[in-house]
PDB file of all heavy atoms in Angstrom:
ATOM      1  N   MET A   1     -12.804 207.080-133.577  1.00  0.00           N
ATOM      2  CA  MET A   1     -11.500 206.516-133.177  1.00  0.00           C
ATOM      3  C   MET A   1     -10.515 207.578-132.763  1.00  0.00           C
ATOM      4  O   MET A   1      -9.641 207.366-131.923  1.00  0.00           O
ATOM      5  CB  MET A   1     -10.955 205.638-134.298  1.00  0.00           C
ATOM      6  CG  MET A   1     -11.843 204.446-134.666  1.00  0.00           C
ATOM      7  SD  MET A   1     -11.987 203.251-133.368  1.00  0.00           S
ATOM      8  CE  MET A   1     -10.396 202.447-133.502  1.00  0.00           C
ATOM      9  N   ILE A   2     -10.637 208.736-133.389  1.00  0.00           N
ATOM     10  CA  ILE A   2      -9.741 209.857-132.992  1.00  0.00           C
ATOM     11  C   ILE A   2     -10.124 210.309-131.571  1.00  0.00           C
ATOM     12  O   ILE A   2      -9.219 210.513-130.711  1.00  0.00           O
ATOM     13  CB  ILE A   2      -9.947 211.078-133.938  1.00  0.00           C
ATOM     14  CG1 ILE A   2      -9.521 210.692-135.365  1.00  0.00           C
ATOM     15  CG2 ILE A   2      -9.156 212.290-133.498  1.00  0.00           C
ATOM     16  CD1 ILE A   2      -9.790 211.735-136.412  1.00  0.00           C
ATOM     17  N   THR A   3     -11.400 210.378-131.266  1.00  0.00           N
ATOM     18  CA  THR A   3     -11.820 210.737-129.900  1.00  0.00           C
ATOM     19  C   THR A   3     -11.358 209.699-128.922  1.00  0.00           C
ATOM     20  O   THR A   3     -10.836 210.062-127.821  1.00  0.00           O
ATOM     21  CB  THR A   3     -13.347 210.870-129.870  1.00  0.00           C
ATOM     22  OG1 THR A   3     -13.832 211.648-130.921  1.00  0.00           O
ATOM     23  CG2 THR A   3     -13.806 211.444-128.526  1.00  0.00           C
ATOM     24  N   ALA A   4     -11.431 208.415-129.249  1.00  0.00           N
ATOM     25  CA  ALA A   4     -10.974 207.379-128.355  1.00  0.00           C
ATOM     26  C   ALA A   4      -9.438 207.500-128.110  1.00  0.00           C
ATOM     27  O   ALA A   4      -8.997 207.365-126.957  1.00  0.00           O
ATOM     28  CB  ALA A   4     -11.265 206.016-128.911  1.00  0.00           C
ATOM     29  N   SER A   5      -8.679 207.789-129.188  1.00  0.00           N
ATOM     30  CA  SER A   5      -7.269 207.965-129.054  1.00  0.00           C
ATOM     31  C   SER A   5      -6.900 209.134-128.145  1.00  0.00           C
ATOM     32  O   SER A   5      -5.999 209.071-127.301  1.00  0.00           O
ATOM     33  CB  SER A   5      -6.599 208.123-130.446  1.00  0.00           C
ATOM     34  OG  SER A   5      -5.245 208.377-130.330  1.00  0.00           O
ATOM     35  N   MET A   6      -7.647 210.245-128.317  1.00  0.00           N
ATOM     36  CA  MET A   6      -7.398 211.352-127.447  1.00  0.00           C
ATOM     37  C   MET A   6      -7.735 211.095-126.023  1.00  0.00           C
ATOM     38  O   MET A   6      -7.051 211.556-125.076  1.00  0.00           O
ATOM     39  CB  MET A   6      -8.189 212.569-128.007  1.00  0.00           C
ATOM     40  CG  MET A   6      -7.641 213.095-129.331  1.00  0.00           C
ATOM     41  SD  MET A   6      -8.681 214.441-130.016  1.00  0.00           S
ATOM     42  CE  MET A   6      -7.594 214.965-131.358  1.00  0.00           C
ATOM     43  N   ALA A   7      -8.859 210.381-125.777  1.00  0.00           N
ATOM     44  CA  ALA A   7      -9.193 210.007-124.431  1.00  0.00           C
ATOM     45  C   ALA A   7      -8.065 209.157-123.776  1.00  0.00           C
ATOM     46  O   ALA A   7      -7.755 209.359-122.614  1.00  0.00           O
ATOM     47  CB  ALA A   7     -10.498 209.187-124.367  1.00  0.00           C
ATOM     48  N   LEU A   8      -7.485 208.275-124.500  1.00  0.00           N
ATOM     49  CA  LEU A   8      -6.379 207.465-123.973  1.00  0.00           C
ATOM     50  C   LEU A   8      -5.205 208.361-123.665  1.00  0.00           C
ATOM     51  O   LEU A   8      -4.558 208.167-122.637  1.00  0.00           O
ATOM     52  CB  LEU A   8      -5.965 206.398-124.974  1.00  0.00           C
ATOM     53  CG  LEU A   8      -6.993 205.250-125.200  1.00  0.00           C
ATOM     54  CD1 LEU A   8      -6.649 204.424-126.357  1.00  0.00           C
ATOM     55  CD2 LEU A   8      -7.112 204.392-123.943  1.00  0.00           C
ATOM     56  N   ASP A   9      -4.900 209.356-124.549  1.00  0.00           N
ATOM     57  CA  ASP A   9      -3.780 210.274-124.302  1.00  0.00           C
ATOM     58  C   ASP A   9      -4.048 211.089-123.023  1.00  0.00           C
ATOM     59  O   ASP A   9      -3.140 211.478-122.329  1.00  0.00           O
ATOM     60  CB  ASP A   9      -3.573 211.183-125.472  1.00  0.00           C
ATOM     61  CG  ASP A   9      -2.984 210.460-126.661  1.00  0.00           C
ATOM     62  OD1 ASP A   9      -2.446 209.393-126.542  1.00  0.00           O
ATOM     63  OD2 ASP A   9      -3.095 211.023-127.791  1.00  0.00           O
ATOM     64  N   GLN A  10      -5.311 211.317-122.769  1.00  0.00           N
ATOM     65  CA  GLN A  10      -5.687 212.144-121.590  1.00  0.00           C
ATOM     66  C   GLN A  10      -5.861 211.288-120.358  1.00  0.00           C
ATOM     67  O   GLN A  10      -6.267 211.819-119.287  1.00  0.00           O
ATOM     68  CB  GLN A  10      -7.014 212.888-121.905  1.00  0.00           C
ATOM     69  CG  GLN A  10      -6.853 213.900-123.018  1.00  0.00           C
ATOM     70  CD  GLN A  10      -8.215 214.350-123.599  1.00  0.00           C
ATOM     71  OE1 GLN A  10      -9.232 213.852-123.279  1.00  0.00           O
ATOM     72  NE2 GLN A  10      -8.184 215.316-124.546  1.00  0.00           N
ATOM     73  N   ASP A  11      -5.593 210.048-120.452  1.00  0.00           N
ATOM     74  CA  ASP A  11      -5.630 209.081-119.328  1.00  0.00           C
ATOM     75  C   ASP A  11      -7.137 208.989-118.800  1.00  0.00           C
ATOM     76  O   ASP A  11      -7.379 208.886-117.633  1.00  0.00           O
ATOM     77  CB  ASP A  11      -4.761 209.461-118.181  1.00  0.00           C
ATOM     78  CG  ASP A  11      -4.505 208.361-117.179  1.00  0.00           C
ATOM     79  OD1 ASP A  11      -4.582 207.221-117.583  1.00  0.00           O
ATOM     80  OD2 ASP A  11      -4.221 208.662-115.992  1.00  0.00           O
ATOM     81  N   ARG A  12      -8.014 208.939-119.765  1.00  0.00           N
ATOM     82  CA  ARG A  12      -9.471 208.723-119.444  1.00  0.00           C
ATOM     83  C   ARG A  12      -9.888 207.306-119.864  1.00  0.00           C
ATOM     84  O   ARG A  12      -9.296 206.673-120.700  1.00  0.00           O
ATOM     85  CB  ARG A  12     -10.315 209.766-120.159  1.00  0.00           C
ATOM     86  CG  ARG A  12      -9.873 211.234-119.955  1.00  0.00           C
ATOM     87  CD  ARG A  12     -10.069 211.665-118.500  1.00  0.00           C
ATOM     88  NE  ARG A  12      -9.373 212.912-118.261  1.00  0.00           N
ATOM     89  CZ  ARG A  12      -9.875 214.142-118.467  1.00  0.00           C
ATOM     90  NH1 ARG A  12     -11.080 214.247-119.024  1.00  0.00           N
ATOM     91  NH2 ARG A  12      -9.159 215.179-118.182  1.00  0.00           N
ATOM     92  N   GLU A  13     -11.018 206.866-119.304  1.00  0.00           N
ATOM     93  CA  GLU A  13     -11.534 205.582-119.647  1.00  0.00           C
ATOM     94  C   GLU A  13     -12.053 205.530-121.103  1.00  0.00           C
ATOM     95  O   GLU A  13     -12.600 206.545-121.548  1.00  0.00           O
ATOM     96  CB  GLU A  13     -12.705 205.225-118.674  1.00  0.00           C
ATOM     97  CG  GLU A  13     -12.278 205.137-117.238  1.00  0.00           C
ATOM     98  CD  GLU A  13     -11.501 203.871-116.892  1.00  0.00           C
ATOM     99  OE1 GLU A  13     -11.390 202.972-117.786  1.00  0.00           O
ATOM    100  OE2 GLU A  13     -10.983 203.780-115.792  1.00  0.00           O
ATOM    101  N   VAL A  14     -11.936 204.399-121.704  1.00  0.00           N
ATOM    102  CA  VAL A  14     -12.512 204.227-123.042  1.00  0.00           C
ATOM    103  C   VAL A  14     -13.350 202.933-123.013  1.00  0.00           C
ATOM    104  O   VAL A  14     -12.897 201.891-122.490  1.00  0.00           O
ATOM    105  CB  VAL A  14     -11.432 204.115-124.149  1.00  0.00           C
ATOM    106  CG1 VAL A  14     -12.063 203.846-125.527  1.00  0.00           C
ATOM    107  CG2 VAL A  14     -10.645 205.422-124.221  1.00  0.00           C
ATOM    108  N   PHE A  15     -14.538 202.993-123.567  1.00  0.00           N
ATOM    109  CA  PHE A  15     -15.466 201.868-123.600  1.00  0.00           C
ATOM    110  C   PHE A  15     -15.862 201.624-125.068  1.00  0.00           C
ATOM    111  O   PHE A  15     -15.908 202.583-125.865  1.00  0.00           O
ATOM    112  CB  PHE A  15     -16.717 202.117-122.803  1.00  0.00           C
ATOM    113  CG  PHE A  15     -16.459 202.610-121.399  1.00  0.00           C
ATOM    114  CD1 PHE A  15     -16.465 203.962-121.097  1.00  0.00           C
ATOM    115  CD2 PHE A  15     -16.126 201.695-120.401  1.00  0.00           C
ATOM    116  CE1 PHE A  15     -16.237 204.406-119.811  1.00  0.00           C
ATOM    117  CE2 PHE A  15     -15.871 202.144-119.090  1.00  0.00           C
ATOM    118  CZ  PHE A  15     -15.892 203.511-118.843  1.00  0.00           C
ATOM    119  N   ALA A  16     -16.212 200.402-125.409  1.00  0.00           N
ATOM    120  CA  ALA A  16     -16.668 200.090-126.811  1.00  0.00           C
ATOM    121  C   ALA A  16     -17.763 199.102-126.725  1.00  0.00           C
ATOM    122  O   ALA A  16     -17.713 198.141-125.938  1.00  0.00           O
ATOM    123  CB  ALA A  16     -15.471 199.590-127.622  1.00  0.00           C
ATOM    124  N   VAL A  17     -18.754 199.276-127.591  1.00  0.00           N
ATOM    125  CA  VAL A  17     -19.891 198.334-127.733  1.00  0.00           C
ATOM    126  C   VAL A  17     -19.556 197.342-128.826  1.00  0.00           C
ATOM    127  O   VAL A  17     -19.303 197.753-129.959  1.00  0.00           O
ATOM    128  CB  VAL A  17     -21.188 199.124-128.038  1.00  0.00           C
ATOM    129  CG1 VAL A  17     -22.325 198.119-128.262  1.00  0.00           C
ATOM    130  CG2 VAL A  17     -21.490 200.140-127.014  1.00  0.00           C
ATOM    131  N   PRO A  18     -19.551 196.041-128.551  1.00  0.00           N
ATOM    132  CA  PRO A  18     -19.303 195.096-129.583  1.00  0.00           C
ATOM    133  C   PRO A  18     -20.439 194.964-130.592  1.00  0.00           C
ATOM    134  O   PRO A  18     -21.582 195.243-130.217  1.00  0.00           O
ATOM    135  CB  PRO A  18     -19.071 193.787-128.803  1.00  0.00           C
ATOM    136  CG  PRO A  18     -19.952 193.990-127.580  1.00  0.00           C
ATOM    137  CD  PRO A  18     -19.859 195.410-127.249  1.00  0.00           C
ATOM    138  N   GLY A  19     -20.113 194.565-131.791  1.00  0.00           N
ATOM    139  CA  GLY A  19     -21.182 194.369-132.803  1.00  0.00           C
ATOM    140  C   GLY A  19     -20.933 193.039-133.498  1.00  0.00           C
ATOM    141  O   GLY A  19     -20.114 192.251-133.086  1.00  0.00           O
ATOM    142  N   THR A  20     -21.634 192.812-134.602  1.00  0.00           N
ATOM    143  CA  THR A  20     -21.427 191.628-135.375  1.00  0.00           C
ATOM    144  C   THR A  20     -20.090 191.675-136.108  1.00  0.00           C
ATOM    145  O   THR A  20     -19.662 192.728-136.575  1.00  0.00           O
ATOM    146  CB  THR A  20     -22.544 191.404-136.355  1.00  0.00           C
ATOM    147  OG1 THR A  20     -22.240 190.276-137.246  1.00  0.00           O
ATOM    148  CG2 THR A  20     -22.853 192.637-137.197  1.00  0.00           C
ATOM    149  N   VAL A  21     -19.463 190.529-136.244  1.00  0.00           N
ATOM    150  CA  VAL A  21     -18.214 190.477-136.990  1.00  0.00           C
ATOM    151  C   VAL A  21     -18.375 190.815-138.462  1.00  0.00           C
ATOM    152  O   VAL A  21     -17.400 191.045-139.155  1.00  0.00           O
ATOM    153  CB  VAL A  21     -17.480 189.114-136.819  1.00  0.00           C
ATOM    154  CG1 VAL A  21     -17.150 188.864-135.376  1.00  0.00           C
ATOM    155  CG2 VAL A  21     -18.392 187.960-137.332  1.00  0.00           C
ATOM    156  N   HIS A  22     -19.580 190.738-138.953  1.00  0.00           N
ATOM    157  CA  HIS A  22     -19.845 191.016-140.357  1.00  0.00           C
ATOM    158  C   HIS A  22     -20.051 192.499-140.667  1.00  0.00           C
ATOM    159  O   HIS A  22     -20.191 192.851-141.837  1.00  0.00           O
ATOM    160  CB  HIS A  22     -21.053 190.230-140.815  1.00  0.00           C
ATOM    161  CG  HIS A  22     -20.974 188.739-140.613  1.00  0.00           C
ATOM    162  ND1 HIS A  22     -20.038 187.990-141.307  1.00  0.00           N
ATOM    163  CD2 HIS A  22     -21.597 187.918-139.747  1.00  0.00           C
ATOM    164  CE1 HIS A  22     -20.131 186.689-140.907  1.00  0.00           C
ATOM    165  NE2 HIS A  22     -21.074 186.656-139.975  1.00  0.00           N
ATOM    166  N   SER A  23     -20.128 193.302-139.631  1.00  0.00           N
ATOM    167  CA  SER A  23     -20.395 194.762-139.833  1.00  0.00           C
ATOM    168  C   SER A  23     -19.125 195.566-139.842  1.00  0.00           C
ATOM    169  O   SER A  23     -18.394 195.568-138.872  1.00  0.00           O
ATOM    170  CB  SER A  23     -21.322 195.240-138.695  1.00  0.00           C
ATOM    171  OG  SER A  23     -21.489 196.620-138.829  1.00  0.00           O
ATOM    172  N   ARG A  24     -18.915 196.269-140.926  1.00  0.00           N
ATOM    173  CA  ARG A  24     -17.760 197.150-140.999  1.00  0.00           C
ATOM    174  C   ARG A  24     -17.864 198.285-140.005  1.00  0.00           C
ATOM    175  O   ARG A  24     -16.837 198.743-139.519  1.00  0.00           O
ATOM    176  CB  ARG A  24     -17.751 197.769-142.436  1.00  0.00           C
ATOM    177  CG  ARG A  24     -16.496 198.580-142.713  1.00  0.00           C
ATOM    178  CD  ARG A  24     -16.453 199.103-144.160  1.00  0.00           C
ATOM    179  NE  ARG A  24     -15.214 199.781-144.401  1.00  0.00           N
ATOM    180  CZ  ARG A  24     -14.075 199.245-144.840  1.00  0.00           C
ATOM    181  NH1 ARG A  24     -14.053 197.947-145.081  1.00  0.00           N
ATOM    182  NH2 ARG A  24     -12.981 199.971-145.014  1.00  0.00           N
ATOM    183  N   LYS A  25     -19.091 198.601-139.622  1.00  0.00           N
ATOM    184  CA  LYS A  25     -19.288 199.699-138.644  1.00  0.00           C
ATOM    185  C   LYS A  25     -18.815 199.337-137.229  1.00  0.00           C
ATOM    186  O   LYS A  25     -18.728 200.213-136.363  1.00  0.00           O
ATOM    187  CB  LYS A  25     -20.789 200.088-138.588  1.00  0.00           C
ATOM    188  CG  LYS A  25     -21.369 200.469-139.905  1.00  0.00           C
ATOM    189  CD  LYS A  25     -20.805 201.769-140.474  1.00  0.00           C
ATOM    190  CE  LYS A  25     -21.497 202.188-141.739  1.00  0.00           C
ATOM    191  NZ  LYS A  25     -20.874 203.399-142.288  1.00  0.00           N
ATOM    192  N   SER A  26     -18.538 198.073-137.018  1.00  0.00           N
ATOM    193  CA  SER A  26     -18.016 197.664-135.663  1.00  0.00           C
ATOM    194  C   SER A  26     -16.559 197.374-135.640  1.00  0.00           C
ATOM    195  O   SER A  26     -16.019 196.990-134.601  1.00  0.00           O
ATOM    196  CB  SER A  26     -18.853 196.456-135.185  1.00  0.00           C
ATOM    197  OG  SER A  26     -20.186 196.782-134.891  1.00  0.00           O
ATOM    198  N   ARG A  27     -15.878 197.538-136.757  1.00  0.00           N
ATOM    199  CA  ARG A  27     -14.456 197.172-136.800  1.00  0.00           C
ATOM    200  C   ARG A  27     -13.624 198.030-135.806  1.00  0.00           C
ATOM    201  O   ARG A  27     -12.729 197.483-135.193  1.00  0.00           O
ATOM    202  CB  ARG A  27     -13.895 197.372-138.210  1.00  0.00           C
ATOM    203  CG  ARG A  27     -14.381 196.285-139.195  1.00  0.00           C
ATOM    204  CD  ARG A  27     -13.730 196.512-140.582  1.00  0.00           C
ATOM    205  NE  ARG A  27     -14.150 195.484-141.516  1.00  0.00           N
ATOM    206  CZ  ARG A  27     -13.757 195.476-142.786  1.00  0.00           C
ATOM    207  NH1 ARG A  27     -12.916 196.435-143.244  1.00  0.00           N
ATOM    208  NH2 ARG A  27     -14.181 194.522-143.628  1.00  0.00           N
ATOM    209  N   GLY A  28     -13.952 199.278-135.701  1.00  0.00           N
ATOM    210  CA  GLY A  28     -13.175 200.119-134.825  1.00  0.00           C
ATOM    211  C   GLY A  28     -13.396 199.695-133.351  1.00  0.00           C
ATOM    212  O   GLY A  28     -12.450 199.643-132.559  1.00  0.00           O
ATOM    213  N   CYS A  29     -14.625 199.422-132.998  1.00  0.00           N
ATOM    214  CA  CYS A  29     -14.905 199.004-131.611  1.00  0.00           C
ATOM    215  C   CYS A  29     -14.189 197.668-131.311  1.00  0.00           C
ATOM    216  O   CYS A  29     -13.563 197.528-130.273  1.00  0.00           O
ATOM    217  CB  CYS A  29     -16.418 198.767-131.432  1.00  0.00           C
ATOM    218  SG  CYS A  29     -17.401 200.303-131.562  1.00  0.00           S
ATOM    219  N   HIS A  30     -14.245 196.743-132.264  1.00  0.00           N
ATOM    220  CA  HIS A  30     -13.537 195.474-132.042  1.00  0.00           C
ATOM    221  C   HIS A  30     -12.020 195.656-131.952  1.00  0.00           C
ATOM    222  O   HIS A  30     -11.382 194.973-131.125  1.00  0.00           O
ATOM    223  CB  HIS A  30     -13.880 194.507-133.172  1.00  0.00           C
ATOM    224  CG  HIS A  30     -15.348 194.078-133.183  1.00  0.00           C
ATOM    225  ND1 HIS A  30     -15.895 193.454-134.250  1.00  0.00           N
ATOM    226  CD2 HIS A  30     -16.290 194.267-132.253  1.00  0.00           C
ATOM    227  CE1 HIS A  30     -17.186 193.261-133.979  1.00  0.00           C
ATOM    228  NE2 HIS A  30     -17.415 193.698-132.785  1.00  0.00           N
ATOM    229  N   ALA A  31     -11.487 196.517-132.706  1.00  0.00           N
ATOM    230  CA  ALA A  31     -10.051 196.785-132.628  1.00  0.00           C
ATOM    231  C   ALA A  31      -9.696 197.373-131.282  1.00  0.00           C
ATOM    232  O   ALA A  31      -8.666 196.995-130.689  1.00  0.00           O
ATOM    233  CB  ALA A  31      -9.617 197.738-133.756  1.00  0.00           C
ATOM    234  N   LEU A  32     -10.451 198.304-130.777  1.00  0.00           N
ATOM    235  CA  LEU A  32     -10.177 198.879-129.468  1.00  0.00           C
ATOM    236  C   LEU A  32     -10.238 197.834-128.361  1.00  0.00           C
ATOM    237  O   LEU A  32      -9.377 197.765-127.491  1.00  0.00           O
ATOM    238  CB  LEU A  32     -11.223 199.971-129.161  1.00  0.00           C
ATOM    239  CG  LEU A  32     -11.078 201.301-129.927  1.00  0.00           C
ATOM    240  CD1 LEU A  32     -12.322 202.149-129.715  1.00  0.00           C
ATOM    241  CD2 LEU A  32      -9.818 202.033-129.575  1.00  0.00           C
ATOM    242  N   ILE A  33     -11.213 196.936-128.439  1.00  0.00           N
ATOM    243  CA  ILE A  33     -11.340 195.852-127.452  1.00  0.00           C
ATOM    244  C   ILE A  33     -10.203 194.835-127.610  1.00  0.00           C
ATOM    245  O   ILE A  33      -9.586 194.462-126.623  1.00  0.00           O
ATOM    246  CB  ILE A  33     -12.715 195.170-127.597  1.00  0.00           C
ATOM    247  CG1 ILE A  33     -13.827 196.156-127.289  1.00  0.00           C
ATOM    248  CG2 ILE A  33     -12.807 193.950-126.661  1.00  0.00           C
ATOM    249  CD1 ILE A  33     -15.210 195.651-127.668  1.00  0.00           C
ATOM    250  N   ARG A  34      -9.924 194.437-128.840  1.00  0.00           N
ATOM    251  CA  ARG A  34      -8.867 193.435-129.053  1.00  0.00           C
ATOM    252  C   ARG A  34      -7.526 193.906-128.646  1.00  0.00           C
ATOM    253  O   ARG A  34      -6.711 193.132-128.092  1.00  0.00           O
ATOM    254  CB  ARG A  34      -8.892 193.104-130.591  1.00  0.00           C
ATOM    255  CG  ARG A  34      -7.867 192.025-130.929  1.00  0.00           C
ATOM    256  CD  ARG A  34      -7.905 191.733-132.453  1.00  0.00           C
ATOM    257  NE  ARG A  34      -7.568 192.894-133.247  1.00  0.00           N
ATOM    258  CZ  ARG A  34      -8.395 193.520-134.055  1.00  0.00           C
ATOM    259  NH1 ARG A  34      -9.683 193.113-134.164  1.00  0.00           N
ATOM    260  NH2 ARG A  34      -7.988 194.584-134.724  1.00  0.00           N
ATOM    261  N   ASP A  35      -7.253 195.185-128.840  1.00  0.00           N
ATOM    262  CA  ASP A  35      -5.933 195.730-128.528  1.00  0.00           C
ATOM    263  C   ASP A  35      -5.806 196.161-127.042  1.00  0.00           C
ATOM    264  O   ASP A  35      -4.779 196.753-126.665  1.00  0.00           O
ATOM    265  CB  ASP A  35      -5.615 196.936-129.420  1.00  0.00           C
ATOM    266  CG  ASP A  35      -5.508 196.531-130.889  1.00  0.00           C
ATOM    267  OD1 ASP A  35      -5.371 195.327-131.143  1.00  0.00           O
ATOM    268  OD2 ASP A  35      -5.644 197.406-131.748  1.00  0.00           O
ATOM    269  N   GLY A  36      -6.823 195.899-126.294  1.00  0.00           N
ATOM    270  CA  GLY A  36      -6.802 196.246-124.856  1.00  0.00           C
ATOM    271  C   GLY A  36      -6.898 197.769-124.587  1.00  0.00           C
ATOM    272  O   GLY A  36      -6.554 198.218-123.457  1.00  0.00           O
ATOM    273  N   LYS A  37      -7.439 198.490-125.520  1.00  0.00           N
ATOM    274  CA  LYS A  37      -7.518 199.977-125.371  1.00  0.00           C
ATOM    275  C   LYS A  37      -8.938 200.420-124.868  1.00  0.00           C
ATOM    276  O   LYS A  37      -9.079 201.519-124.417  1.00  0.00           O
ATOM    277  CB  LYS A  37      -7.259 200.671-126.700  1.00  0.00           C
ATOM    278  CG  LYS A  37      -5.826 200.470-127.242  1.00  0.00           C
ATOM    279  CD  LYS A  37      -5.628 201.156-128.568  1.00  0.00           C
ATOM    280  CE  LYS A  37      -4.219 201.011-129.047  1.00  0.00           C
ATOM    281  NZ  LYS A  37      -4.032 201.657-130.352  1.00  0.00           N
ATOM    282  N   ALA A  38      -9.896 199.505-124.933  1.00  0.00           N
ATOM    283  CA  ALA A  38     -11.233 199.823-124.498  1.00  0.00           C
ATOM    284  C   ALA A  38     -11.832 198.632-123.714  1.00  0.00           C
ATOM    285  O   ALA A  38     -11.516 197.496-124.039  1.00  0.00           O
ATOM    286  CB  ALA A  38     -12.102 200.187-125.657  1.00  0.00           C
ATOM    287  N   LYS A  39     -12.726 198.973-122.813  1.00  0.00           N
ATOM    288  CA  LYS A  39     -13.434 197.925-122.103  1.00  0.00           C
ATOM    289  C   LYS A  39     -14.697 197.577-122.854  1.00  0.00           C
ATOM    290  O   LYS A  39     -15.476 198.493-123.226  1.00  0.00           O
ATOM    291  CB  LYS A  39     -13.795 198.409-120.671  1.00  0.00           C
ATOM    292  CG  LYS A  39     -12.556 198.686-119.817  1.00  0.00           C
ATOM    293  CD  LYS A  39     -12.957 199.251-118.467  1.00  0.00           C
ATOM    294  CE  LYS A  39     -11.765 199.476-117.566  1.00  0.00           C
ATOM    295  NZ  LYS A  39     -10.795 200.450-118.121  1.00  0.00           N
ATOM    296  N   LEU A  40     -14.967 196.319-123.036  1.00  0.00           N
ATOM    297  CA  LEU A  40     -16.169 195.853-123.680  1.00  0.00           C
ATOM    298  C   LEU A  40     -17.329 196.117-122.721  1.00  0.00           C
ATOM    299  O   LEU A  40     -17.334 195.756-121.577  1.00  0.00           O
ATOM    300  CB  LEU A  40     -16.064 194.374-123.986  1.00  0.00           C
ATOM    301  CG  LEU A  40     -17.238 193.759-124.756  1.00  0.00           C
ATOM    302  CD1 LEU A  40     -16.703 192.527-125.565  1.00  0.00           C
ATOM    303  CD2 LEU A  40     -18.344 193.294-123.897  1.00  0.00           C
ATOM    304  N   VAL A  41     -18.353 196.793-123.221  1.00  0.00           N
ATOM    305  CA  VAL A  41     -19.560 197.080-122.475  1.00  0.00           C
ATOM    306  C   VAL A  41     -20.831 196.573-123.139  1.00  0.00           C
ATOM    307  O   VAL A  41     -20.955 196.656-124.385  1.00  0.00           O
ATOM    308  CB  VAL A  41     -19.723 198.591-122.135  1.00  0.00           C
ATOM    309  CG1 VAL A  41     -18.561 199.064-121.281  1.00  0.00           C
ATOM    310  CG2 VAL A  41     -19.804 199.421-123.414  1.00  0.00           C
TER     311      VAL A  41
END
C-alpha cells in the first residue's frame, strides 16, 4: 500500500487485483478500488 501511495504521488497508474471479501489479504486492494485510487484488473 505504501508503494501504491507513492505511485499515486508520482502520477503513475495503480492497478489492483480483487479477491474474496472474506480474505484479509485483499482488503488493501479493495480499498484502493473502492476509493477510486486503483483500476480493477
